[in-house]
């Protein structure tokens, strides 16, 4: 089978380039994407860049606006908070279910992922940190044995994907807190704590992200008034 990553298409090169710049915050909300400049930067024609932009539009990362063209989609903070609130309930319940079947190998994987997150944070690799964070939670909820629940979690995660990944850039202290909270989650899972304890802790872990996000928004608003 052909390795698509070994010889990426021109469209894929443009897609990955733009996606990275959006997710790491280089291109902020509402920023216009200059097709000709992007093509020049990548030594490509404008055609694959346009194709990449259409894909990013499908992903929800870019939208077309009259008189502006392709711009980075604005962060919908209300949608983020609402989705994460629901996700806190879903993942809390899934983690409690998973605790019934997880073993030492699973716990070791969680410990290693958390260590990799700490390393990524130390190296300021915040996009990698976000990906590892996804893997950490997937390692837990995918053991729950409820396919409908897993699908609902994945759909909720897709809705808030860009905001969650960029949040660690906007609120770096949350990344440090997240690692410490992961350690507490691992501890409860290893100890085979009660269903209620695990569900409550994982739910609180998600809700803490909302609190930090709201604080960041309030701080930005206060600074704008100075």
N, C-alpha and C. Protein backbone atom coordinates (compact mmCIF):
# COMPACT_ATOMS: atom_id res chain seq x y z
N UNK A 1 0.85 -1.20 0.00
CA UNK A 1 0.00 0.00 0.00
C UNK A 1 0.88 1.24 0.00
N UNK A 2 0.49 2.26 -0.77
CA UNK A 2 1.28 3.47 -0.87
C UNK A 2 1.21 4.28 0.41
N UNK A 3 2.36 4.77 0.85
CA UNK A 3 2.43 5.58 2.04
C UNK A 3 2.13 7.04 1.67
N UNK A 4 0.94 7.50 2.02
CA UNK A 4 0.52 8.84 1.63
C UNK A 4 1.34 9.91 2.34
N UNK A 5 1.85 9.58 3.53
CA UNK A 5 2.62 10.56 4.28
C UNK A 5 4.02 10.73 3.69
N UNK A 6 4.49 9.69 2.95
CA UNK A 6 5.84 9.74 2.39
C UNK A 6 5.89 10.69 1.20
N UNK A 7 4.85 10.69 0.38
CA UNK A 7 4.79 11.56 -0.78
C UNK A 7 3.46 12.32 -0.77
N UNK A 8 3.33 13.31 0.10
CA UNK A 8 2.06 14.04 0.20
C UNK A 8 1.78 14.83 -1.07
N UNK A 9 0.51 14.99 -1.38
CA UNK A 9 0.13 15.79 -2.54
C UNK A 9 0.36 17.26 -2.25
N UNK A 10 0.32 18.07 -3.31
CA UNK A 10 0.50 19.52 -3.13
C UNK A 10 -0.63 20.09 -2.28
N UNK A 11 -1.84 19.57 -2.50
CA UNK A 11 -2.97 20.00 -1.69
C UNK A 11 -2.73 19.67 -0.21
N UNK A 12 -2.20 18.46 0.05
CA UNK A 12 -1.97 18.05 1.43
C UNK A 12 -0.89 18.91 2.09
N UNK A 13 0.12 19.27 1.32
CA UNK A 13 1.18 20.14 1.85
C UNK A 13 0.59 21.48 2.27
N UNK A 14 -0.24 22.06 1.40
CA UNK A 14 -0.87 23.34 1.71
C UNK A 14 -1.83 23.20 2.88
N UNK A 15 -2.57 22.10 2.91
CA UNK A 15 -3.54 21.86 3.98
C UNK A 15 -2.85 21.78 5.34
N UNK A 16 -1.80 20.95 5.43
CA UNK A 16 -1.09 20.78 6.69
C UNK A 16 -0.44 22.08 7.14
N UNK A 17 0.10 22.83 6.18
CA UNK A 17 0.75 24.11 6.49
C UNK A 17 -0.25 25.09 7.09
N UNK A 18 -1.39 25.28 6.42
CA UNK A 18 -2.38 26.22 6.91
C UNK A 18 -3.02 25.75 8.21
N UNK A 19 -3.28 24.46 8.29
CA UNK A 19 -3.90 23.92 9.49
C UNK A 19 -3.02 24.15 10.71
N UNK A 20 -1.72 23.92 10.56
CA UNK A 20 -0.79 24.13 11.66
C UNK A 20 -0.78 25.58 12.11
N UNK A 21 -0.76 26.51 11.15
CA UNK A 21 -0.71 27.93 11.48
C UNK A 21 -1.99 28.38 12.18
N UNK A 22 -3.10 27.74 11.86
CA UNK A 22 -4.37 28.07 12.52
C UNK A 22 -4.39 27.49 13.93
N UNK A 23 -4.02 26.22 14.06
CA UNK A 23 -4.12 25.56 15.35
C UNK A 23 -3.11 26.08 16.36
N UNK A 24 -1.94 26.51 15.90
CA UNK A 24 -0.95 27.00 16.87
C UNK A 24 -1.12 28.50 17.16
N UNK A 25 -2.16 29.11 16.55
CA UNK A 25 -2.46 30.49 16.86
C UNK A 25 -1.73 31.52 16.02
N UNK A 26 -0.87 31.08 15.10
CA UNK A 26 -0.18 32.02 14.22
C UNK A 26 -1.18 32.82 13.40
N UNK A 27 -2.19 32.14 12.88
CA UNK A 27 -3.30 32.79 12.21
C UNK A 27 -4.46 32.86 13.20
N UNK A 28 -4.78 34.06 13.66
CA UNK A 28 -5.83 34.22 14.65
C UNK A 28 -7.22 34.28 14.05
N UNK A 29 -8.22 34.28 14.91
CA UNK A 29 -9.61 34.34 14.48
C UNK A 29 -9.85 35.58 13.63
N UNK A 30 -10.50 35.39 12.49
CA UNK A 30 -10.84 36.50 11.61
C UNK A 30 -9.73 36.91 10.66
N UNK A 31 -8.56 36.29 10.79
CA UNK A 31 -7.45 36.68 9.90
C UNK A 31 -7.67 36.16 8.48
N UNK A 32 -7.37 37.00 7.52
CA UNK A 32 -7.56 36.64 6.12
C UNK A 32 -6.41 35.76 5.64
N UNK A 33 -6.76 34.74 4.85
CA UNK A 33 -5.76 33.87 4.23
C UNK A 33 -5.48 34.38 2.81
N UNK A 34 -4.26 34.81 2.58
CA UNK A 34 -3.88 35.32 1.27
C UNK A 34 -3.40 34.14 0.42
N UNK A 35 -4.19 33.76 -0.56
CA UNK A 35 -3.91 32.56 -1.35
C UNK A 35 -2.59 32.70 -2.10
N UNK A 36 -2.40 33.80 -2.78
CA UNK A 36 -1.18 33.97 -3.59
C UNK A 36 0.07 33.97 -2.71
N UNK A 37 -0.01 34.59 -1.53
CA UNK A 37 1.14 34.63 -0.63
C UNK A 37 1.45 33.24 -0.08
N UNK A 38 0.41 32.50 0.27
CA UNK A 38 0.60 31.14 0.76
C UNK A 38 1.24 30.26 -0.31
N UNK A 39 0.74 30.41 -1.54
CA UNK A 39 1.30 29.64 -2.65
C UNK A 39 2.77 29.98 -2.85
N UNK A 40 3.10 31.25 -2.74
CA UNK A 40 4.49 31.69 -2.91
C UNK A 40 5.37 31.12 -1.80
N UNK A 41 4.86 31.16 -0.56
CA UNK A 41 5.62 30.65 0.59
C UNK A 41 5.95 29.17 0.44
N UNK A 42 5.03 28.43 -0.18
CA UNK A 42 5.19 26.98 -0.31
C UNK A 42 5.72 26.56 -1.68
N UNK A 43 5.99 27.55 -2.52
CA UNK A 43 6.45 27.27 -3.90
C UNK A 43 5.45 26.39 -4.65
N UNK A 44 4.18 26.75 -4.52
CA UNK A 44 3.10 26.03 -5.18
C UNK A 44 2.31 27.00 -6.05
N UNK A 45 1.47 26.44 -6.90
CA UNK A 45 0.52 27.28 -7.63
C UNK A 45 -0.67 27.54 -6.71
N UNK A 46 -1.51 28.52 -7.03
CA UNK A 46 -2.66 28.80 -6.17
C UNK A 46 -3.70 27.68 -6.12
N UNK A 47 -3.70 26.81 -7.13
CA UNK A 47 -4.76 25.79 -7.20
C UNK A 47 -4.77 24.86 -5.98
N UNK A 48 -3.65 24.22 -5.60
CA UNK A 48 -3.71 23.34 -4.42
C UNK A 48 -4.00 24.10 -3.13
N UNK A 49 -3.63 25.38 -3.08
CA UNK A 49 -3.93 26.18 -1.89
C UNK A 49 -5.45 26.38 -1.79
N UNK A 50 -6.09 26.67 -2.92
CA UNK A 50 -7.55 26.82 -2.92
C UNK A 50 -8.23 25.52 -2.50
N UNK A 51 -7.70 24.40 -3.01
CA UNK A 51 -8.27 23.09 -2.64
C UNK A 51 -8.10 22.83 -1.15
N UNK A 52 -6.95 23.21 -0.60
CA UNK A 52 -6.70 23.04 0.83
C UNK A 52 -7.65 23.91 1.65
N UNK A 53 -7.89 25.11 1.17
CA UNK A 53 -8.80 26.02 1.87
C UNK A 53 -10.22 25.47 1.89
N UNK A 54 -10.63 24.84 0.78
CA UNK A 54 -11.97 24.23 0.74
C UNK A 54 -12.07 23.11 1.78
N UNK A 55 -10.99 22.34 1.93
CA UNK A 55 -11.00 21.28 2.93
C UNK A 55 -11.03 21.86 4.33
N UNK A 56 -10.27 22.91 4.56
CA UNK A 56 -10.26 23.56 5.87
C UNK A 56 -11.61 24.21 6.17
N UNK A 57 -12.29 24.65 5.14
CA UNK A 57 -13.64 25.18 5.32
C UNK A 57 -14.58 24.07 5.76
N UNK A 58 -14.40 22.89 5.15
CA UNK A 58 -15.20 21.73 5.55
C UNK A 58 -14.91 21.32 6.98
N UNK A 59 -13.66 21.52 7.42
CA UNK A 59 -13.26 21.20 8.79
C UNK A 59 -13.78 22.23 9.79
N UNK A 60 -14.26 23.35 9.29
CA UNK A 60 -14.75 24.39 10.17
C UNK A 60 -13.69 25.37 10.63
N UNK A 61 -12.50 25.28 10.06
CA UNK A 61 -11.41 26.16 10.47
C UNK A 61 -11.36 27.46 9.67
N UNK A 62 -11.96 27.45 8.50
CA UNK A 62 -11.95 28.62 7.61
C UNK A 62 -13.36 28.85 7.10
N UNK A 63 -13.71 30.12 6.88
CA UNK A 63 -14.99 30.45 6.27
C UNK A 63 -14.78 31.58 5.26
N UNK A 64 -15.66 31.62 4.27
CA UNK A 64 -15.60 32.68 3.27
C UNK A 64 -16.52 33.83 3.69
N UNK A 65 -15.99 35.05 3.61
CA UNK A 65 -16.77 36.23 3.95
C UNK A 65 -16.78 37.18 2.76
N UNK A 66 -17.92 37.85 2.52
CA UNK A 66 -17.99 38.82 1.42
C UNK A 66 -16.92 39.89 1.54
N UNK A 67 -16.29 40.20 0.45
CA UNK A 67 -15.27 41.24 0.36
C UNK A 67 -13.97 40.92 1.09
N UNK A 68 -13.92 39.80 1.79
CA UNK A 68 -12.71 39.42 2.52
C UNK A 68 -12.08 38.15 1.99
N UNK A 69 -12.92 37.25 1.50
CA UNK A 69 -12.42 35.97 1.04
C UNK A 69 -12.31 34.97 2.18
N UNK A 70 -11.28 34.14 2.14
CA UNK A 70 -11.10 33.10 3.14
C UNK A 70 -10.50 33.69 4.41
N UNK A 71 -11.20 33.50 5.53
CA UNK A 71 -10.69 33.99 6.82
C UNK A 71 -10.78 32.87 7.85
N UNK A 72 -9.93 32.94 8.86
CA UNK A 72 -9.95 31.96 9.94
C UNK A 72 -11.25 32.11 10.72
N UNK A 73 -11.94 31.02 10.95
CA UNK A 73 -13.21 31.04 11.66
C UNK A 73 -13.03 31.60 13.07
N UNK A 74 -13.93 32.47 13.46
CA UNK A 74 -13.88 33.03 14.81
C UNK A 74 -14.23 31.95 15.83
N UNK A 75 -13.58 32.05 16.98
CA UNK A 75 -13.85 31.08 18.05
C UNK A 75 -15.21 31.38 18.66
N UNK A 76 -16.06 30.38 18.70
CA UNK A 76 -17.37 30.51 19.32
C UNK A 76 -17.25 30.03 20.77
N UNK A 77 -17.04 30.98 21.67
CA UNK A 77 -16.78 30.62 23.06
C UNK A 77 -17.99 30.00 23.73
N UNK A 78 -19.18 30.45 23.37
CA UNK A 78 -20.40 29.87 23.96
C UNK A 78 -20.54 28.40 23.58
N UNK A 79 -20.28 28.11 22.30
CA UNK A 79 -20.37 26.73 21.83
C UNK A 79 -19.33 25.86 22.52
N UNK A 80 -18.13 26.42 22.70
CA UNK A 80 -17.07 25.68 23.39
C UNK A 80 -17.49 25.31 24.80
N UNK A 81 -18.02 26.27 25.55
CA UNK A 81 -18.40 26.03 26.93
C UNK A 81 -19.55 25.03 27.02
N UNK A 82 -20.55 25.20 26.14
CA UNK A 82 -21.69 24.28 26.15
C UNK A 82 -21.26 22.85 25.81
N UNK A 83 -20.41 22.72 24.79
CA UNK A 83 -19.97 21.39 24.36
C UNK A 83 -19.12 20.73 25.42
N UNK A 84 -18.22 21.49 26.03
CA UNK A 84 -17.35 20.91 27.05
C UNK A 84 -18.13 20.52 28.30
N UNK A 85 -19.20 21.25 28.58
CA UNK A 85 -20.05 20.90 29.72
C UNK A 85 -20.68 19.53 29.51
N UNK A 86 -21.17 19.30 28.30
CA UNK A 86 -21.75 17.99 27.97
C UNK A 86 -20.67 16.91 27.96
N UNK A 87 -19.52 17.26 27.40
CA UNK A 87 -18.42 16.30 27.31
C UNK A 87 -17.95 15.88 28.70
N UNK A 88 -18.03 16.79 29.66
CA UNK A 88 -17.61 16.44 31.03
C UNK A 88 -18.48 15.32 31.59
N UNK A 89 -19.76 15.34 31.27
CA UNK A 89 -20.68 14.29 31.72
C UNK A 89 -20.40 12.97 30.99
N UNK A 90 -20.22 13.07 29.67
CA UNK A 90 -19.99 11.86 28.87
C UNK A 90 -18.69 11.17 29.25
N UNK A 91 -17.61 11.95 29.34
CA UNK A 91 -16.30 11.36 29.64
C UNK A 91 -16.22 10.90 31.09
N UNK A 92 -16.91 11.59 31.98
CA UNK A 92 -16.92 11.14 33.38
C UNK A 92 -17.54 9.76 33.50
N UNK A 93 -18.68 9.58 32.84
CA UNK A 93 -19.37 8.29 32.89
C UNK A 93 -18.55 7.21 32.18
N UNK A 94 -17.97 7.57 31.02
CA UNK A 94 -17.16 6.61 30.26
C UNK A 94 -15.94 6.16 31.06
N UNK A 95 -15.29 7.10 31.75
CA UNK A 95 -14.11 6.75 32.55
C UNK A 95 -14.48 5.80 33.68
N UNK A 96 -15.62 6.04 34.30
CA UNK A 96 -16.07 5.15 35.37
C UNK A 96 -16.33 3.75 34.84
N UNK A 97 -16.94 3.66 33.66
CA UNK A 97 -17.16 2.35 33.04
C UNK A 97 -15.82 1.67 32.70
N UNK A 98 -14.90 2.45 32.15
CA UNK A 98 -13.61 1.92 31.74
C UNK A 98 -12.81 1.39 32.92
N UNK A 99 -13.00 1.99 34.08
CA UNK A 99 -12.23 1.58 35.26
C UNK A 99 -12.49 0.12 35.63
N UNK A 100 -13.61 -0.41 35.17
CA UNK A 100 -13.96 -1.79 35.49
C UNK A 100 -13.13 -2.80 34.71
N UNK A 101 -12.54 -2.35 33.59
CA UNK A 101 -11.82 -3.29 32.72
C UNK A 101 -10.35 -2.92 32.50
N UNK A 102 -9.92 -1.72 32.89
CA UNK A 102 -8.55 -1.30 32.63
C UNK A 102 -7.56 -2.10 33.46
N UNK A 103 -6.36 -2.33 32.88
CA UNK A 103 -5.34 -3.13 33.55
C UNK A 103 -4.02 -2.37 33.67
N UNK A 104 -2.99 -3.05 34.18
CA UNK A 104 -1.70 -2.40 34.41
C UNK A 104 -1.09 -1.84 33.13
N UNK A 105 -1.28 -2.54 32.02
CA UNK A 105 -0.76 -2.06 30.73
C UNK A 105 -1.41 -0.74 30.35
N UNK A 106 -2.72 -0.62 30.57
CA UNK A 106 -3.43 0.62 30.28
C UNK A 106 -2.92 1.76 31.15
N UNK A 107 -2.69 1.46 32.42
CA UNK A 107 -2.21 2.50 33.33
C UNK A 107 -0.82 2.97 32.93
N UNK A 108 0.00 2.05 32.49
CA UNK A 108 1.36 2.41 32.05
C UNK A 108 1.30 3.32 30.83
N UNK A 109 0.38 3.03 29.92
CA UNK A 109 0.20 3.88 28.75
C UNK A 109 -0.20 5.30 29.15
N UNK A 110 -1.10 5.40 30.12
CA UNK A 110 -1.55 6.71 30.60
C UNK A 110 -0.40 7.49 31.24
N UNK A 111 0.40 6.80 32.03
CA UNK A 111 1.55 7.44 32.68
C UNK A 111 2.52 7.96 31.64
N UNK A 112 2.80 7.15 30.63
CA UNK A 112 3.74 7.55 29.58
C UNK A 112 3.21 8.72 28.76
N UNK A 113 1.91 8.70 28.45
CA UNK A 113 1.31 9.81 27.71
C UNK A 113 1.41 11.11 28.51
N UNK A 114 1.17 11.02 29.80
CA UNK A 114 1.23 12.22 30.64
C UNK A 114 2.67 12.76 30.71
N UNK A 115 3.64 11.86 30.74
CA UNK A 115 5.04 12.28 30.73
C UNK A 115 5.40 12.95 29.41
N UNK A 116 4.86 12.41 28.30
CA UNK A 116 5.11 13.01 27.00
C UNK A 116 4.47 14.39 26.91
N UNK A 117 3.32 14.56 27.55
CA UNK A 117 2.68 15.87 27.60
C UNK A 117 3.54 16.87 28.34
N UNK A 118 4.11 16.43 29.44
CA UNK A 118 4.99 17.31 30.23
C UNK A 118 6.21 17.71 29.42
N UNK A 119 6.75 16.76 28.68
CA UNK A 119 7.92 17.04 27.82
C UNK A 119 7.54 18.02 26.71
N UNK A 120 6.38 17.83 26.10
CA UNK A 120 5.94 18.72 25.03
C UNK A 120 5.73 20.13 25.56
N UNK A 121 5.18 20.24 26.76
CA UNK A 121 4.97 21.56 27.36
C UNK A 121 6.31 22.24 27.64
N UNK A 122 7.26 21.47 28.13
CA UNK A 122 8.59 22.01 28.42
C UNK A 122 9.25 22.55 27.15
N UNK A 123 8.97 21.88 26.02
CA UNK A 123 9.55 22.29 24.73
C UNK A 123 8.67 23.27 23.97
N UNK A 124 7.59 23.73 24.61
CA UNK A 124 6.65 24.68 24.00
C UNK A 124 6.02 24.12 22.72
N UNK A 125 5.85 22.80 22.65
CA UNK A 125 5.20 22.16 21.50
C UNK A 125 3.71 22.00 21.85
N UNK A 126 2.97 23.10 21.76
CA UNK A 126 1.62 23.12 22.27
C UNK A 126 0.62 22.36 21.40
N UNK A 127 0.88 22.30 20.08
CA UNK A 127 0.00 21.50 19.23
C UNK A 127 0.18 20.01 19.56
N UNK A 128 1.43 19.60 19.77
CA UNK A 128 1.69 18.21 20.18
C UNK A 128 1.05 17.93 21.53
N UNK A 129 1.14 18.90 22.42
CA UNK A 129 0.51 18.75 23.74
C UNK A 129 -0.98 18.46 23.58
N UNK A 130 -1.64 19.21 22.70
CA UNK A 130 -3.07 19.01 22.48
C UNK A 130 -3.39 17.62 21.94
N UNK A 131 -2.56 17.15 21.03
CA UNK A 131 -2.77 15.81 20.46
C UNK A 131 -2.58 14.73 21.52
N UNK A 132 -1.55 14.89 22.35
CA UNK A 132 -1.30 13.92 23.42
C UNK A 132 -2.43 13.94 24.44
N UNK A 133 -2.98 15.12 24.67
CA UNK A 133 -4.11 15.24 25.59
C UNK A 133 -5.31 14.45 25.06
N UNK A 134 -5.55 14.55 23.76
CA UNK A 134 -6.62 13.77 23.14
C UNK A 134 -6.37 12.28 23.32
N UNK A 135 -5.13 11.87 23.08
CA UNK A 135 -4.77 10.45 23.19
C UNK A 135 -4.96 9.95 24.62
N UNK A 136 -4.61 10.79 25.59
CA UNK A 136 -4.75 10.41 27.00
C UNK A 136 -6.20 10.07 27.32
N UNK A 137 -7.11 10.96 26.93
CA UNK A 137 -8.52 10.73 27.25
C UNK A 137 -9.11 9.60 26.41
N UNK A 138 -8.65 9.46 25.17
CA UNK A 138 -9.13 8.36 24.34
C UNK A 138 -8.69 7.02 24.93
N UNK A 139 -7.49 6.97 25.48
CA UNK A 139 -6.98 5.75 26.10
C UNK A 139 -7.91 5.27 27.22
N UNK A 140 -8.58 6.22 27.85
CA UNK A 140 -9.51 5.87 28.93
C UNK A 140 -10.89 5.52 28.38
N UNK A 141 -11.51 6.45 27.65
CA UNK A 141 -12.91 6.22 27.29
C UNK A 141 -13.11 5.10 26.28
N UNK A 142 -12.07 4.77 25.50
CA UNK A 142 -12.22 3.68 24.53
C UNK A 142 -12.30 2.31 25.19
N UNK A 143 -12.07 2.25 26.49
CA UNK A 143 -12.20 0.99 27.23
C UNK A 143 -13.57 0.83 27.87
N UNK A 144 -14.47 1.79 27.61
CA UNK A 144 -15.75 1.78 28.33
C UNK A 144 -16.70 0.68 27.85
N UNK A 145 -16.50 0.20 26.61
CA UNK A 145 -17.34 -0.89 26.12
C UNK A 145 -18.69 -0.47 25.60
N UNK A 146 -18.93 0.84 25.48
CA UNK A 146 -20.21 1.36 25.00
C UNK A 146 -19.96 2.14 23.72
N UNK A 147 -20.24 1.53 22.57
CA UNK A 147 -19.92 2.14 21.29
C UNK A 147 -20.70 3.43 21.05
N UNK A 148 -21.95 3.48 21.49
CA UNK A 148 -22.76 4.70 21.31
C UNK A 148 -22.16 5.86 22.11
N UNK A 149 -21.76 5.58 23.33
CA UNK A 149 -21.15 6.60 24.18
C UNK A 149 -19.85 7.11 23.57
N UNK A 150 -19.04 6.20 23.05
CA UNK A 150 -17.77 6.60 22.42
C UNK A 150 -18.01 7.49 21.21
N UNK A 151 -19.02 7.17 20.43
CA UNK A 151 -19.31 7.97 19.23
C UNK A 151 -19.79 9.37 19.62
N UNK A 152 -20.59 9.45 20.67
CA UNK A 152 -21.06 10.76 21.13
C UNK A 152 -19.90 11.61 21.62
N UNK A 153 -18.94 10.99 22.30
CA UNK A 153 -17.76 11.72 22.78
C UNK A 153 -16.94 12.24 21.62
N UNK A 154 -16.74 11.39 20.62
CA UNK A 154 -15.95 11.79 19.46
C UNK A 154 -16.60 12.94 18.71
N UNK A 155 -17.91 12.91 18.57
CA UNK A 155 -18.62 13.98 17.86
C UNK A 155 -18.51 15.29 18.63
N UNK A 156 -18.62 15.21 19.95
CA UNK A 156 -18.49 16.41 20.77
C UNK A 156 -17.09 16.98 20.68
N UNK A 157 -16.10 16.09 20.66
CA UNK A 157 -14.71 16.55 20.56
C UNK A 157 -14.43 17.23 19.23
N UNK A 158 -15.02 16.73 18.17
CA UNK A 158 -14.82 17.33 16.85
C UNK A 158 -15.38 18.75 16.80
N UNK A 159 -16.48 18.98 17.50
CA UNK A 159 -17.10 20.30 17.51
C UNK A 159 -16.20 21.35 18.16
N UNK A 160 -15.46 20.93 19.20
CA UNK A 160 -14.65 21.89 19.94
C UNK A 160 -13.16 21.72 19.67
N UNK A 161 -12.82 21.00 18.62
CA UNK A 161 -11.42 20.62 18.38
C UNK A 161 -10.48 21.81 18.28
N UNK A 162 -10.82 22.79 17.48
CA UNK A 162 -9.89 23.90 17.28
C UNK A 162 -9.74 24.73 18.54
N UNK A 163 -10.83 24.98 19.24
CA UNK A 163 -10.76 25.80 20.45
C UNK A 163 -9.94 25.10 21.51
N UNK A 164 -10.16 23.79 21.67
CA UNK A 164 -9.44 23.05 22.70
C UNK A 164 -7.94 23.08 22.43
N UNK A 165 -7.55 22.87 21.17
CA UNK A 165 -6.13 22.82 20.85
C UNK A 165 -5.47 24.18 21.02
N UNK A 166 -6.22 25.24 20.67
CA UNK A 166 -5.63 26.56 20.79
C UNK A 166 -5.72 27.11 22.20
N UNK A 167 -6.54 26.49 23.07
CA UNK A 167 -6.71 27.00 24.42
C UNK A 167 -5.41 26.93 25.21
N UNK A 168 -4.61 25.88 24.98
CA UNK A 168 -3.37 25.75 25.72
C UNK A 168 -2.38 26.84 25.33
N UNK A 169 -2.55 27.41 24.11
CA UNK A 169 -1.74 28.54 23.70
C UNK A 169 -2.22 29.80 24.39
N UNK A 170 -3.54 29.96 24.47
CA UNK A 170 -4.11 31.15 25.08
C UNK A 170 -4.00 31.12 26.60
N UNK A 171 -4.09 29.92 27.20
CA UNK A 171 -4.06 29.78 28.65
C UNK A 171 -3.03 28.72 29.03
N UNK A 172 -1.73 29.06 28.94
CA UNK A 172 -0.69 28.05 29.18
C UNK A 172 -0.71 27.44 30.58
N UNK A 173 -1.20 28.19 31.58
CA UNK A 173 -1.22 27.64 32.93
C UNK A 173 -2.17 26.46 33.04
N UNK A 174 -3.17 26.41 32.14
CA UNK A 174 -4.11 25.30 32.15
C UNK A 174 -3.40 24.00 31.77
N UNK A 175 -2.39 24.09 30.92
CA UNK A 175 -1.64 22.90 30.51
C UNK A 175 -0.95 22.27 31.71
N UNK A 176 -0.37 23.08 32.58
CA UNK A 176 0.30 22.57 33.78
C UNK A 176 -0.72 21.92 34.71
N UNK A 177 -1.85 22.58 34.91
CA UNK A 177 -2.89 22.04 35.77
C UNK A 177 -3.41 20.71 35.23
N UNK A 178 -3.54 20.64 33.92
CA UNK A 178 -4.08 19.44 33.28
C UNK A 178 -3.21 18.22 33.57
N UNK A 179 -1.91 18.40 33.50
CA UNK A 179 -0.98 17.29 33.77
C UNK A 179 -1.15 16.78 35.20
N UNK A 180 -1.25 17.71 36.16
CA UNK A 180 -1.41 17.32 37.57
C UNK A 180 -2.75 16.60 37.79
N UNK A 181 -3.78 17.09 37.13
CA UNK A 181 -5.09 16.46 37.27
C UNK A 181 -5.10 15.07 36.64
N UNK A 182 -4.36 14.89 35.56
CA UNK A 182 -4.24 13.57 34.94
C UNK A 182 -3.62 12.58 35.92
N UNK A 183 -2.64 13.04 36.69
CA UNK A 183 -1.99 12.17 37.67
C UNK A 183 -3.01 11.69 38.70
N UNK A 184 -3.90 12.57 39.12
CA UNK A 184 -4.94 12.20 40.08
C UNK A 184 -5.92 11.20 39.48
N UNK A 185 -6.25 11.38 38.20
CA UNK A 185 -7.15 10.46 37.52
C UNK A 185 -6.52 9.07 37.44
N UNK A 186 -5.26 9.01 37.05
CA UNK A 186 -4.56 7.73 36.96
C UNK A 186 -4.56 7.04 38.31
N UNK A 187 -4.32 7.80 39.37
CA UNK A 187 -4.26 7.25 40.72
C UNK A 187 -5.58 6.59 41.10
N UNK A 188 -6.68 7.27 40.82
CA UNK A 188 -7.99 6.69 41.16
C UNK A 188 -8.28 5.45 40.33
N UNK A 189 -7.91 5.48 39.06
CA UNK A 189 -8.14 4.32 38.20
C UNK A 189 -7.34 3.11 38.68
N UNK A 190 -6.08 3.34 39.03
CA UNK A 190 -5.23 2.25 39.51
C UNK A 190 -5.74 1.67 40.83
N UNK A 191 -6.27 2.55 41.67
CA UNK A 191 -6.76 2.11 42.97
C UNK A 191 -8.14 1.46 42.89
N UNK A 192 -8.71 1.44 41.68
CA UNK A 192 -10.06 0.90 41.51
C UNK A 192 -11.04 1.61 42.44
N UNK A 193 -10.96 2.92 42.44
CA UNK A 193 -11.85 3.73 43.28
C UNK A 193 -13.30 3.51 42.86
N UNK A 194 -14.21 4.06 43.62
CA UNK A 194 -15.62 3.85 43.34
C UNK A 194 -16.02 4.51 42.02
N UNK A 195 -17.10 4.00 41.46
CA UNK A 195 -17.65 4.52 40.21
C UNK A 195 -17.89 6.03 40.34
N UNK A 196 -18.48 6.42 41.47
CA UNK A 196 -18.85 7.81 41.69
C UNK A 196 -17.62 8.71 41.79
N UNK A 197 -16.57 8.25 42.47
CA UNK A 197 -15.34 9.05 42.63
C UNK A 197 -14.68 9.34 41.29
N UNK A 198 -14.57 8.29 40.48
CA UNK A 198 -13.92 8.45 39.18
C UNK A 198 -14.73 9.35 38.27
N UNK A 199 -16.03 9.11 38.21
CA UNK A 199 -16.90 9.92 37.38
C UNK A 199 -16.82 11.39 37.78
N UNK A 200 -16.83 11.66 39.09
CA UNK A 200 -16.80 13.02 39.60
C UNK A 200 -15.48 13.72 39.28
N UNK A 201 -14.36 13.00 39.43
CA UNK A 201 -13.05 13.61 39.20
C UNK A 201 -12.84 13.96 37.73
N UNK A 202 -13.22 13.04 36.84
CA UNK A 202 -13.05 13.30 35.40
C UNK A 202 -13.97 14.43 34.96
N UNK A 203 -15.18 14.46 35.49
CA UNK A 203 -16.10 15.55 35.17
C UNK A 203 -15.53 16.89 35.65
N UNK A 204 -14.98 16.91 36.86
CA UNK A 204 -14.40 18.14 37.40
C UNK A 204 -13.18 18.59 36.58
N UNK A 205 -12.42 17.62 36.08
CA UNK A 205 -11.24 17.92 35.25
C UNK A 205 -11.66 18.71 34.02
N UNK A 206 -12.75 18.29 33.39
CA UNK A 206 -13.25 19.00 32.21
C UNK A 206 -13.82 20.37 32.59
N UNK A 207 -14.55 20.43 33.68
CA UNK A 207 -15.16 21.69 34.11
C UNK A 207 -14.11 22.71 34.53
N UNK A 208 -12.97 22.24 35.02
CA UNK A 208 -11.89 23.15 35.37
C UNK A 208 -11.38 23.90 34.14
N UNK A 209 -11.40 23.22 32.99
CA UNK A 209 -10.99 23.86 31.74
C UNK A 209 -11.94 25.00 31.40
N UNK A 210 -13.24 24.81 31.68
CA UNK A 210 -14.21 25.88 31.43
C UNK A 210 -13.93 27.07 32.34
N UNK A 211 -13.64 26.81 33.60
CA UNK A 211 -13.36 27.89 34.55
C UNK A 211 -12.16 28.71 34.10
N UNK A 212 -11.11 28.01 33.67
CA UNK A 212 -9.90 28.71 33.21
C UNK A 212 -10.20 29.52 31.96
N UNK A 213 -10.98 28.94 31.07
CA UNK A 213 -11.33 29.63 29.82
C UNK A 213 -12.13 30.90 30.10
N UNK A 214 -13.07 30.83 31.04
CA UNK A 214 -13.87 32.00 31.40
C UNK A 214 -13.01 33.08 32.03
N UNK A 215 -12.06 32.66 32.87
CA UNK A 215 -11.16 33.62 33.51
C UNK A 215 -10.32 34.33 32.47
N UNK A 216 -9.86 33.58 31.46
CA UNK A 216 -9.07 34.17 30.38
C UNK A 216 -9.89 35.21 29.63
N UNK A 217 -11.16 34.87 29.36
CA UNK A 217 -12.04 35.78 28.63
C UNK A 217 -12.29 37.05 29.43
N UNK A 218 -12.49 36.90 30.75
CA UNK A 218 -12.74 38.06 31.60
C UNK A 218 -11.51 38.95 31.69
N UNK A 219 -10.33 38.31 31.77
CA UNK A 219 -9.09 39.08 31.83
C UNK A 219 -8.89 39.89 30.55
N UNK A 220 -9.16 39.27 29.41
CA UNK A 220 -9.04 39.97 28.14
C UNK A 220 -10.02 41.15 28.06
N UNK A 221 -11.21 40.94 28.59
CA UNK A 221 -12.22 42.00 28.56
C UNK A 221 -11.79 43.16 29.46
N UNK A 222 -11.26 42.83 30.64
CA UNK A 222 -10.81 43.87 31.56
C UNK A 222 -9.67 44.69 30.97
N UNK A 223 -8.75 43.99 30.29
CA UNK A 223 -7.61 44.67 29.69
C UNK A 223 -8.05 45.60 28.56
N UNK A 224 -9.10 45.19 27.87
CA UNK A 224 -9.60 46.02 26.76
C UNK A 224 -10.20 47.33 27.27
N UNK A 225 -10.61 47.34 28.54
CA UNK A 225 -11.23 48.53 29.12
C UNK A 225 -10.22 49.48 29.72
N UNK A 226 -8.97 49.03 29.83
CA UNK A 226 -7.92 49.89 30.43
C UNK A 226 -7.52 51.03 29.51
